[in-house]
Amino acid sequence: VESGGGLVQSGGSLRLSCAASGSIFSIYSMGWYRQAPGS
C-alpha cells in the first residue's frame, strides 16, 4: 500500500511510503517504480 503522493510545485518535496503485509522486506530487494501517462 503506497501513500504520500499529492500535488506540489516545482522544486518542492514529498515523501512516499509503502507498507507491506507480511514479513517480506527483510529478505527481498525492493523498488519504487513510476508510470507517467502514455509511458
ModelCIF file with pLDDT and N, C-alpha, C, O atoms, coordinates in Angstrom:
data_MODEL
#
_entry.id   MODEL 
#
_entity.id                         1 
_entity.type                       polymer 
_entity.pdbx_number_of_molecules   1 
#
_entity_poly.entity_id                      1 
_entity_poly.type                           'polypeptide(L)' 
_entity_poly.nstd_linkage                   no 
_entity_poly.nstd_monomer                   no 
_entity_poly.pdbx_seq_one_letter_code       VESGGGLVQSGGSLRLSCAASGSIFSIYSMGWYRQAPGS 
_entity_poly.pdbx_seq_one_letter_code_can   VESGGGLVQSGGSLRLSCAASGSIFSIYSMGWYRQAPGS 
_entity_poly.pdbx_strand_id                 A 
#
loop_
_entity_poly_seq.entity_id 
_entity_poly_seq.num 
_entity_poly_seq.mon_id 
_entity_poly_seq.hetero 
1 1  VAL n 
1 2  GLU n 
1 3  SER n 
1 4  GLY n 
1 5  GLY n 
1 6  GLY n 
1 7  LEU n 
1 8  VAL n 
1 9  GLN n 
1 10 SER n 
1 11 GLY n 
1 12 GLY n 
1 13 SER n 
1 14 LEU n 
1 15 ARG n 
1 16 LEU n 
1 17 SER n 
1 18 CYS n 
1 19 ALA n 
1 20 ALA n 
1 21 SER n 
1 22 GLY n 
1 23 SER n 
1 24 ILE n 
1 25 PHE n 
1 26 SER n 
1 27 ILE n 
1 28 TYR n 
1 29 SER n 
1 30 MET n 
1 31 GLY n 
1 32 TRP n 
1 33 TYR n 
1 34 ARG n 
1 35 GLN n 
1 36 ALA n 
1 37 PRO n 
1 38 GLY n 
1 39 SER n 
#
_struct_asym.id          A 
_struct_asym.entity_id   1 
#
loop_
_ma_qa_metric.id 
_ma_qa_metric.mode 
_ma_qa_metric.name 
_ma_qa_metric.software_group_id 
_ma_qa_metric.type 
1 global pLDDT . pLDDT 
2 local  pLDDT . pLDDT 
#
_ma_qa_metric_global.metric_id      1 
_ma_qa_metric_global.metric_value   91.64 
_ma_qa_metric_global.model_id       1 
_ma_qa_metric_global.ordinal_id     1 
#
loop_
_ma_qa_metric_local.label_asym_id 
_ma_qa_metric_local.label_comp_id 
_ma_qa_metric_local.label_seq_id 
_ma_qa_metric_local.metric_id 
_ma_qa_metric_local.metric_value 
_ma_qa_metric_local.model_id 
_ma_qa_metric_local.ordinal_id 
A VAL 1  2 94.00 1 1  
A GLU 2  2 97.00 1 2  
A SER 3  2 98.00 1 3  
A GLY 4  2 98.00 1 4  
A GLY 5  2 98.00 1 5  
A GLY 6  2 98.00 1 6  
A LEU 7  2 98.00 1 7  
A VAL 8  2 98.00 1 8  
A GLN 9  2 98.00 1 9  
A SER 10 2 98.00 1 10 
A GLY 11 2 98.00 1 11 
A GLY 12 2 98.00 1 12 
A SER 13 2 98.00 1 13 
A LEU 14 2 98.00 1 14 
A ARG 15 2 98.00 1 15 
A LEU 16 2 98.00 1 16 
A SER 17 2 98.00 1 17 
A CYS 18 2 96.00 1 18 
A ALA 19 2 94.00 1 19 
A ALA 20 2 89.00 1 20 
A SER 21 2 84.00 1 21 
A GLY 22 2 68.00 1 22 
A SER 23 2 60.00 1 23 
A ILE 24 2 63.00 1 24 
A PHE 25 2 66.00 1 25 
A SER 26 2 74.00 1 26 
A ILE 27 2 80.00 1 27 
A TYR 28 2 86.00 1 28 
A SER 29 2 93.00 1 29 
A MET 30 2 94.00 1 30 
A GLY 31 2 96.00 1 31 
A TRP 32 2 98.00 1 32 
A TYR 33 2 98.00 1 33 
A ARG 34 2 98.00 1 34 
A GLN 35 2 98.00 1 35 
A ALA 36 2 96.00 1 36 
A PRO 37 2 92.00 1 37 
A GLY 38 2 94.00 1 38 
A SER 39 2 96.00 1 39 
#
loop_
_atom_site.group_PDB 
_atom_site.id 
_atom_site.type_symbol 
_atom_site.label_atom_id 
_atom_site.label_alt_id 
_atom_site.label_comp_id 
_atom_site.label_asym_id 
_atom_site.label_entity_id 
_atom_site.label_seq_id 
_atom_site.pdbx_PDB_ins_code 
_atom_site.Cartn_x 
_atom_site.Cartn_y 
_atom_site.Cartn_z 
_atom_site.occupancy 
_atom_site.B_iso_or_equiv 
_atom_site.pdbx_formal_charge 
_atom_site.auth_seq_id 
_atom_site.auth_comp_id 
_atom_site.auth_asym_id 
_atom_site.auth_atom_id 
_atom_site.pdbx_PDB_model_num 
ATOM 1   N N  . VAL A 1 1  ? 0.846  -1.191  0.000   1.00 94.00 ? 1  VAL A N  1 
ATOM 2   C CA . VAL A 1 1  ? 0.000  0.000   0.000   1.00 94.00 ? 1  VAL A CA 1 
ATOM 3   C C  . VAL A 1 1  ? 0.880  1.238   0.000   1.00 94.00 ? 1  VAL A C  1 
ATOM 4   O O  . VAL A 1 1  ? 1.629  1.498   0.941   1.00 94.00 ? 1  VAL A O  1 
ATOM 5   N N  . GLU A 1 2  ? 0.764  1.991   -1.083  1.00 97.00 ? 2  GLU A N  1 
ATOM 6   C CA . GLU A 1 2  ? 1.543  3.215   -1.225  1.00 97.00 ? 2  GLU A CA 1 
ATOM 7   C C  . GLU A 1 2  ? 0.739  4.410   -0.728  1.00 97.00 ? 2  GLU A C  1 
ATOM 8   O O  . GLU A 1 2  ? -0.487 4.433   -0.827  1.00 97.00 ? 2  GLU A O  1 
ATOM 9   N N  . SER A 1 3  ? 1.446  5.398   -0.195  1.00 98.00 ? 3  SER A N  1 
ATOM 10  C CA . SER A 1 3  ? 0.797  6.626   0.275   1.00 98.00 ? 3  SER A CA 1 
ATOM 11  C C  . SER A 1 3  ? 1.792  7.769   0.230   1.00 98.00 ? 3  SER A C  1 
ATOM 12  O O  . SER A 1 3  ? 2.993  7.556   0.064   1.00 98.00 ? 3  SER A O  1 
ATOM 13  N N  . GLY A 1 4  ? 1.282  8.985   0.381   1.00 98.00 ? 4  GLY A N  1 
ATOM 14  C CA . GLY A 1 4  ? 2.140  10.156  0.475   1.00 98.00 ? 4  GLY A CA 1 
ATOM 15  C C  . GLY A 1 4  ? 2.181  11.025  -0.762  1.00 98.00 ? 4  GLY A C  1 
ATOM 16  O O  . GLY A 1 4  ? 2.817  12.078  -0.757  1.00 98.00 ? 4  GLY A O  1 
ATOM 17  N N  . GLY A 1 5  ? 1.514  10.602  -1.820  1.00 98.00 ? 5  GLY A N  1 
ATOM 18  C CA . GLY A 1 5  ? 1.506  11.413  -3.026  1.00 98.00 ? 5  GLY A CA 1 
ATOM 19  C C  . GLY A 1 5  ? 0.677  12.667  -2.856  1.00 98.00 ? 5  GLY A C  1 
ATOM 20  O O  . GLY A 1 5  ? 0.021  12.866  -1.834  1.00 98.00 ? 5  GLY A O  1 
ATOM 21  N N  . GLY A 1 6  ? 0.719  13.514  -3.881  1.00 98.00 ? 6  GLY A N  1 
ATOM 22  C CA . GLY A 1 6  ? -0.066 14.737  -3.839  1.00 98.00 ? 6  GLY A CA 1 
ATOM 23  C C  . GLY A 1 6  ? 0.360  15.698  -4.919  1.00 98.00 ? 6  GLY A C  1 
ATOM 24  O O  . GLY A 1 6  ? 1.104  15.350  -5.835  1.00 98.00 ? 6  GLY A O  1 
ATOM 25  N N  . LEU A 1 7  ? -0.131 16.922  -4.792  1.00 98.00 ? 7  LEU A N  1 
ATOM 26  C CA . LEU A 1 7  ? 0.182  17.991  -5.729  1.00 98.00 ? 7  LEU A CA 1 
ATOM 27  C C  . LEU A 1 7  ? 1.206  18.915  -5.080  1.00 98.00 ? 7  LEU A C  1 
ATOM 28  O O  . LEU A 1 7  ? 1.015  19.378  -3.955  1.00 98.00 ? 7  LEU A O  1 
ATOM 29  N N  . VAL A 1 8  ? 2.279  19.173  -5.790  1.00 98.00 ? 8  VAL A N  1 
ATOM 30  C CA . VAL A 1 8  ? 3.348  20.013  -5.251  1.00 98.00 ? 8  VAL A CA 1 
ATOM 31  C C  . VAL A 1 8  ? 3.898  20.886  -6.379  1.00 98.00 ? 8  VAL A C  1 
ATOM 32  O O  . VAL A 1 8  ? 3.859  20.509  -7.550  1.00 98.00 ? 8  VAL A O  1 
ATOM 33  N N  . GLN A 1 9  ? 4.403  22.037  -6.010  1.00 98.00 ? 9  GLN A N  1 
ATOM 34  C CA . GLN A 1 9  ? 5.005  22.924  -7.013  1.00 98.00 ? 9  GLN A CA 1 
ATOM 35  C C  . GLN A 1 9  ? 6.414  22.447  -7.353  1.00 98.00 ? 9  GLN A C  1 
ATOM 36  O O  . GLN A 1 9  ? 7.066  21.755  -6.571  1.00 98.00 ? 9  GLN A O  1 
ATOM 37  N N  . SER A 1 10 ? 6.852  22.833  -8.520  1.00 98.00 ? 10 SER A N  1 
ATOM 38  C CA . SER A 1 10 ? 8.209  22.519  -8.952  1.00 98.00 ? 10 SER A CA 1 
ATOM 39  C C  . SER A 1 10 ? 9.212  23.012  -7.908  1.00 98.00 ? 10 SER A C  1 
ATOM 40  O O  . SER A 1 10 ? 9.112  24.137  -7.420  1.00 98.00 ? 10 SER A O  1 
ATOM 41  N N  . GLY A 1 11 ? 10.176 22.155  -7.574  1.00 98.00 ? 11 GLY A N  1 
ATOM 42  C CA . GLY A 1 11 ? 11.141 22.483  -6.542  1.00 98.00 ? 11 GLY A CA 1 
ATOM 43  C C  . GLY A 1 11 ? 10.759 22.006  -5.157  1.00 98.00 ? 11 GLY A C  1 
ATOM 44  O O  . GLY A 1 11 ? 11.561 22.075  -4.226  1.00 98.00 ? 11 GLY A O  1 
ATOM 45  N N  . GLY A 1 12 ? 9.541  21.524  -5.020  1.00 98.00 ? 12 GLY A N  1 
ATOM 46  C CA . GLY A 1 12 ? 9.060  21.066  -3.726  1.00 98.00 ? 12 GLY A CA 1 
ATOM 47  C C  . GLY A 1 12 ? 9.485  19.640  -3.412  1.00 98.00 ? 12 GLY A C  1 
ATOM 48  O O  . GLY A 1 12 ? 10.230 19.011  -4.163  1.00 98.00 ? 12 GLY A O  1 
ATOM 49  N N  . SER A 1 13 ? 8.988  19.149  -2.276  1.00 98.00 ? 13 SER A N  1 
ATOM 50  C CA . SER A 1 13 ? 9.367  17.818  -1.797  1.00 98.00 ? 13 SER A CA 1 
ATOM 51  C C  . SER A 1 13 ? 8.136  17.018  -1.397  1.00 98.00 ? 13 SER A C  1 
ATOM 52  O O  . SER A 1 13 ? 7.107  17.573  -1.012  1.00 98.00 ? 13 SER A O  1 
ATOM 53  N N  . LEU A 1 14 ? 8.268  15.712  -1.496  1.00 98.00 ? 14 LEU A N  1 
ATOM 54  C CA . LEU A 1 14 ? 7.267  14.776  -0.997  1.00 98.00 ? 14 LEU A CA 1 
ATOM 55  C C  . LEU A 1 14 ? 7.982  13.548  -0.458  1.00 98.00 ? 14 LEU A C  1 
ATOM 56  O O  . LEU A 1 14 ? 9.089  13.218  -0.884  1.00 98.00 ? 14 LEU A O  1 
ATOM 57  N N  . ARG A 1 15 ? 7.335  12.883  0.480   1.00 98.00 ? 15 ARG A N  1 
ATOM 58  C CA . ARG A 1 15 ? 7.862  11.622  0.997   1.00 98.00 ? 15 ARG A CA 1 
ATOM 59  C C  . ARG A 1 15 ? 6.805  10.542  0.811   1.00 98.00 ? 15 ARG A C  1 
ATOM 60  O O  . ARG A 1 15 ? 5.713  10.621  1.374   1.00 98.00 ? 15 ARG A O  1 
ATOM 61  N N  . LEU A 1 16 ? 7.138  9.545   0.026   1.00 98.00 ? 16 LEU A N  1 
ATOM 62  C CA . LEU A 1 16 ? 6.229  8.433   -0.206  1.00 98.00 ? 16 LEU A CA 1 
ATOM 63  C C  . LEU A 1 16 ? 6.542  7.294   0.759   1.00 98.00 ? 16 LEU A C  1 
ATOM 64  O O  . LEU A 1 16 ? 7.690  7.076   1.147   1.00 98.00 ? 16 LEU A O  1 
ATOM 65  N N  . SER A 1 17 ? 5.494  6.579   1.131   1.00 98.00 ? 17 SER A N  1 
ATOM 66  C CA . SER A 1 17 ? 5.646  5.407   1.989   1.00 98.00 ? 17 SER A CA 1 
ATOM 67  C C  . SER A 1 17 ? 5.000  4.198   1.322   1.00 98.00 ? 17 SER A C  1 
ATOM 68  O O  . SER A 1 17 ? 4.037  4.335   0.567   1.00 98.00 ? 17 SER A O  1 
ATOM 69  N N  . CYS A 1 18 ? 5.525  3.041   1.601   1.00 96.00 ? 18 CYS A N  1 
ATOM 70  C CA . CYS A 1 18 ? 4.964  1.786   1.100   1.00 96.00 ? 18 CYS A CA 1 
ATOM 71  C C  . CYS A 1 18 ? 4.974  0.786   2.251   1.00 96.00 ? 18 CYS A C  1 
ATOM 72  O O  . CYS A 1 18 ? 6.030  0.377   2.733   1.00 96.00 ? 18 CYS A O  1 
ATOM 73  N N  . ALA A 1 19 ? 3.784  0.408   2.674   1.00 94.00 ? 19 ALA A N  1 
ATOM 74  C CA . ALA A 1 19 ? 3.650  -0.546  3.770   1.00 94.00 ? 19 ALA A CA 1 
ATOM 75  C C  . ALA A 1 19 ? 3.220  -1.889  3.222   1.00 94.00 ? 19 ALA A C  1 
ATOM 76  O O  . ALA A 1 19 ? 2.363  -1.971  2.342   1.00 94.00 ? 19 ALA A O  1 
ATOM 77  N N  . ALA A 1 20 ? 3.816  -2.928  3.745   1.00 89.00 ? 20 ALA A N  1 
ATOM 78  C CA . ALA A 1 20 ? 3.521  -4.279  3.256   1.00 89.00 ? 20 ALA A CA 1 
ATOM 79  C C  . ALA A 1 20 ? 2.972  -5.153  4.358   1.00 89.00 ? 20 ALA A C  1 
ATOM 80  O O  . ALA A 1 20 ? 3.382  -5.063  5.515   1.00 89.00 ? 20 ALA A O  1 
ATOM 81  N N  . SER A 1 21 ? 2.040  -5.995  3.978   1.00 84.00 ? 21 SER A N  1 
ATOM 82  C CA . SER A 1 21 ? 1.594  -7.044  4.882   1.00 84.00 ? 21 SER A CA 1 
ATOM 83  C C  . SER A 1 21 ? 2.564  -8.207  4.736   1.00 84.00 ? 21 SER A C  1 
ATOM 84  O O  . SER A 1 21 ? 3.032  -8.486  3.632   1.00 84.00 ? 21 SER A O  1 
ATOM 85  N N  . GLY A 1 22 ? 2.862  -8.864  5.798   1.00 68.00 ? 22 GLY A N  1 
ATOM 86  C CA . GLY A 1 22 ? 3.795  -9.975  5.707   1.00 68.00 ? 22 GLY A CA 1 
ATOM 87  C C  . GLY A 1 22 ? 5.231  -9.512  5.845   1.00 68.00 ? 22 GLY A C  1 
ATOM 88  O O  . GLY A 1 22 ? 5.546  -8.357  5.560   1.00 68.00 ? 22 GLY A O  1 
ATOM 89  N N  . SER A 1 23 ? 6.076  -10.381 6.269   1.00 60.00 ? 23 SER A N  1 
ATOM 90  C CA . SER A 1 23 ? 7.472  -10.020 6.549   1.00 60.00 ? 23 SER A CA 1 
ATOM 91  C C  . SER A 1 23 ? 8.351  -10.343 5.347   1.00 60.00 ? 23 SER A C  1 
ATOM 92  O O  . SER A 1 23 ? 9.165  -11.266 5.386   1.00 60.00 ? 23 SER A O  1 
ATOM 93  N N  . ILE A 1 24 ? 8.174  -9.562  4.270   1.00 63.00 ? 24 ILE A N  1 
ATOM 94  C CA . ILE A 1 24 ? 8.963  -9.840  3.076   1.00 63.00 ? 24 ILE A CA 1 
ATOM 95  C C  . ILE A 1 24 ? 10.152 -8.909  2.930   1.00 63.00 ? 24 ILE A C  1 
ATOM 96  O O  . ILE A 1 24 ? 11.115 -9.233  2.236   1.00 63.00 ? 24 ILE A O  1 
ATOM 97  N N  . PHE A 1 25 ? 10.092 -7.764  3.573   1.00 66.00 ? 25 PHE A N  1 
ATOM 98  C CA . PHE A 1 25 ? 11.115 -6.765  3.324   1.00 66.00 ? 25 PHE A CA 1 
ATOM 99  C C  . PHE A 1 25 ? 12.495 -7.224  3.725   1.00 66.00 ? 25 PHE A C  1 
ATOM 100 O O  . PHE A 1 25 ? 13.479 -6.888  3.066   1.00 66.00 ? 25 PHE A O  1 
ATOM 101 N N  . SER A 1 26 ? 12.578 -7.968  4.771   1.00 74.00 ? 26 SER A N  1 
ATOM 102 C CA . SER A 1 26 ? 13.901 -8.288  5.286   1.00 74.00 ? 26 SER A CA 1 
ATOM 103 C C  . SER A 1 26 ? 14.706 -9.166  4.330   1.00 74.00 ? 26 SER A C  1 
ATOM 104 O O  . SER A 1 26 ? 15.933 -9.203  4.422   1.00 74.00 ? 26 SER A O  1 
ATOM 105 N N  . ILE A 1 27 ? 14.053 -9.863  3.428   1.00 80.00 ? 27 ILE A N  1 
ATOM 106 C CA . ILE A 1 27 ? 14.792 -10.765 2.553   1.00 80.00 ? 27 ILE A CA 1 
ATOM 107 C C  . ILE A 1 27 ? 14.792 -10.337 1.098   1.00 80.00 ? 27 ILE A C  1 
ATOM 108 O O  . ILE A 1 27 ? 15.581 -10.847 0.303   1.00 80.00 ? 27 ILE A O  1 
ATOM 109 N N  . TYR A 1 28 ? 13.909 -9.397  0.736   1.00 86.00 ? 28 TYR A N  1 
ATOM 110 C CA . TYR A 1 28 ? 13.808 -9.003  -0.657  1.00 86.00 ? 28 TYR A CA 1 
ATOM 111 C C  . TYR A 1 28 ? 14.406 -7.627  -0.918  1.00 86.00 ? 28 TYR A C  1 
ATOM 112 O O  . TYR A 1 28 ? 14.356 -6.736  -0.070  1.00 86.00 ? 28 TYR A O  1 
ATOM 113 N N  . SER A 1 29 ? 14.967 -7.478  -2.101  1.00 93.00 ? 29 SER A N  1 
ATOM 114 C CA . SER A 1 29 ? 15.228 -6.137  -2.600  1.00 93.00 ? 29 SER A CA 1 
ATOM 115 C C  . SER A 1 29 ? 13.887 -5.516  -2.972  1.00 93.00 ? 29 SER A C  1 
ATOM 116 O O  . SER A 1 29 ? 12.987 -6.198  -3.461  1.00 93.00 ? 29 SER A O  1 
ATOM 117 N N  . MET A 1 30 ? 13.771 -4.225  -2.736  1.00 94.00 ? 30 MET A N  1 
ATOM 118 C CA . MET A 1 30 ? 12.528 -3.508  -3.009  1.00 94.00 ? 30 MET A CA 1 
ATOM 119 C C  . MET A 1 30 ? 12.802 -2.328  -3.929  1.00 94.00 ? 30 MET A C  1 
ATOM 120 O O  . MET A 1 30 ? 13.915 -1.806  -3.988  1.00 94.00 ? 30 MET A O  1 
ATOM 121 N N  . GLY A 1 31 ? 11.774 -1.927  -4.637  1.00 96.00 ? 31 GLY A N  1 
ATOM 122 C CA . GLY A 1 31 ? 11.947 -0.820  -5.561  1.00 96.00 ? 31 GLY A CA 1 
ATOM 123 C C  . GLY A 1 31 ? 10.759 0.107   -5.600  1.00 96.00 ? 31 GLY A C  1 
ATOM 124 O O  . GLY A 1 31 ? 9.636  -0.276  -5.273  1.00 96.00 ? 31 GLY A O  1 
ATOM 125 N N  . TRP A 1 32 ? 11.022 1.323   -6.003  1.00 98.00 ? 32 TRP A N  1 
ATOM 126 C CA . TRP A 1 32 ? 9.977  2.286   -6.338  1.00 98.00 ? 32 TRP A CA 1 
ATOM 127 C C  . TRP A 1 32 ? 9.959  2.416   -7.854  1.00 98.00 ? 32 TRP A C  1 
ATOM 128 O O  . TRP A 1 32 ? 11.001 2.570   -8.491  1.00 98.00 ? 32 TRP A O  1 
ATOM 129 N N  . TYR A 1 33 ? 8.769  2.352   -8.417  1.00 98.00 ? 33 TYR A N  1 
ATOM 130 C CA . TYR A 1 33 ? 8.554  2.456   -9.849  1.00 98.00 ? 33 TYR A CA 1 
ATOM 131 C C  . TYR A 1 33 ? 7.578  3.597   -10.103 1.00 98.00 ? 33 TYR A C  1 
ATOM 132 O O  . TYR A 1 33 ? 6.853  4.016   -9.201  1.00 98.00 ? 33 TYR A O  1 
ATOM 133 N N  . ARG A 1 34 ? 7.565  4.098   -11.338 1.00 98.00 ? 34 ARG A N  1 
ATOM 134 C CA . ARG A 1 34 ? 6.576  5.120   -11.677 1.00 98.00 ? 34 ARG A CA 1 
ATOM 135 C C  . ARG A 1 34 ? 6.125  4.936   -13.109 1.00 98.00 ? 34 ARG A C  1 
ATOM 136 O O  . ARG A 1 34 ? 6.832  4.385   -13.954 1.00 98.00 ? 34 ARG A O  1 
ATOM 137 N N  . GLN A 1 35 ? 4.915  5.422   -13.347 1.00 98.00 ? 35 GLN A N  1 
ATOM 138 C CA . GLN A 1 35 ? 4.350  5.355   -14.690 1.00 98.00 ? 35 GLN A CA 1 
ATOM 139 C C  . GLN A 1 35 ? 3.644  6.664   -14.989 1.00 98.00 ? 35 GLN A C  1 
ATOM 140 O O  . GLN A 1 35 ? 2.657  7.018   -14.345 1.00 98.00 ? 35 GLN A O  1 
ATOM 141 N N  . ALA A 1 36 ? 4.161  7.366   -15.965 1.00 96.00 ? 36 ALA A N  1 
ATOM 142 C CA . ALA A 1 36 ? 3.544  8.610   -16.420 1.00 96.00 ? 36 ALA A CA 1 
ATOM 143 C C  . ALA A 1 36 ? 2.538  8.282   -17.520 1.00 96.00 ? 36 ALA A C  1 
ATOM 144 O O  . ALA A 1 36 ? 2.649  7.237   -18.160 1.00 96.00 ? 36 ALA A O  1 
ATOM 145 N N  . PRO A 1 37 ? 1.560  9.154   -17.749 1.00 92.00 ? 37 PRO A N  1 
ATOM 146 C CA . PRO A 1 37 ? 0.567  8.908   -18.807 1.00 92.00 ? 37 PRO A CA 1 
ATOM 147 C C  . PRO A 1 37 ? 1.240  8.684   -20.153 1.00 92.00 ? 37 PRO A C  1 
ATOM 148 O O  . PRO A 1 37 ? 2.094  9.465   -20.573 1.00 92.00 ? 37 PRO A O  1 
ATOM 149 N N  . GLY A 1 38 ? 0.844  7.605   -20.823 1.00 94.00 ? 38 GLY A N  1 
ATOM 150 C CA . GLY A 1 38 ? 1.386  7.318   -22.140 1.00 94.00 ? 38 GLY A CA 1 
ATOM 151 C C  . GLY A 1 38 ? 2.781  6.720   -22.139 1.00 94.00 ? 38 GLY A C  1 
ATOM 152 O O  . GLY A 1 38 ? 3.381  6.536   -23.198 1.00 94.00 ? 38 GLY A O  1 
ATOM 153 N N  . SER A 1 39 ? 3.297  6.418   -20.963 1.00 96.00 ? 39 SER A N  1 
ATOM 154 C CA . SER A 1 39 ? 4.655  5.876   -20.858 1.00 96.00 ? 39 SER A CA 1 
ATOM 155 C C  . SER A 1 39 ? 4.647  4.522   -20.157 1.00 96.00 ? 39 SER A C  1 
ATOM 156 O O  . SER A 1 39 ? 5.702  3.913   -19.979 1.00 96.00 ? 39 SER A O  1 
#
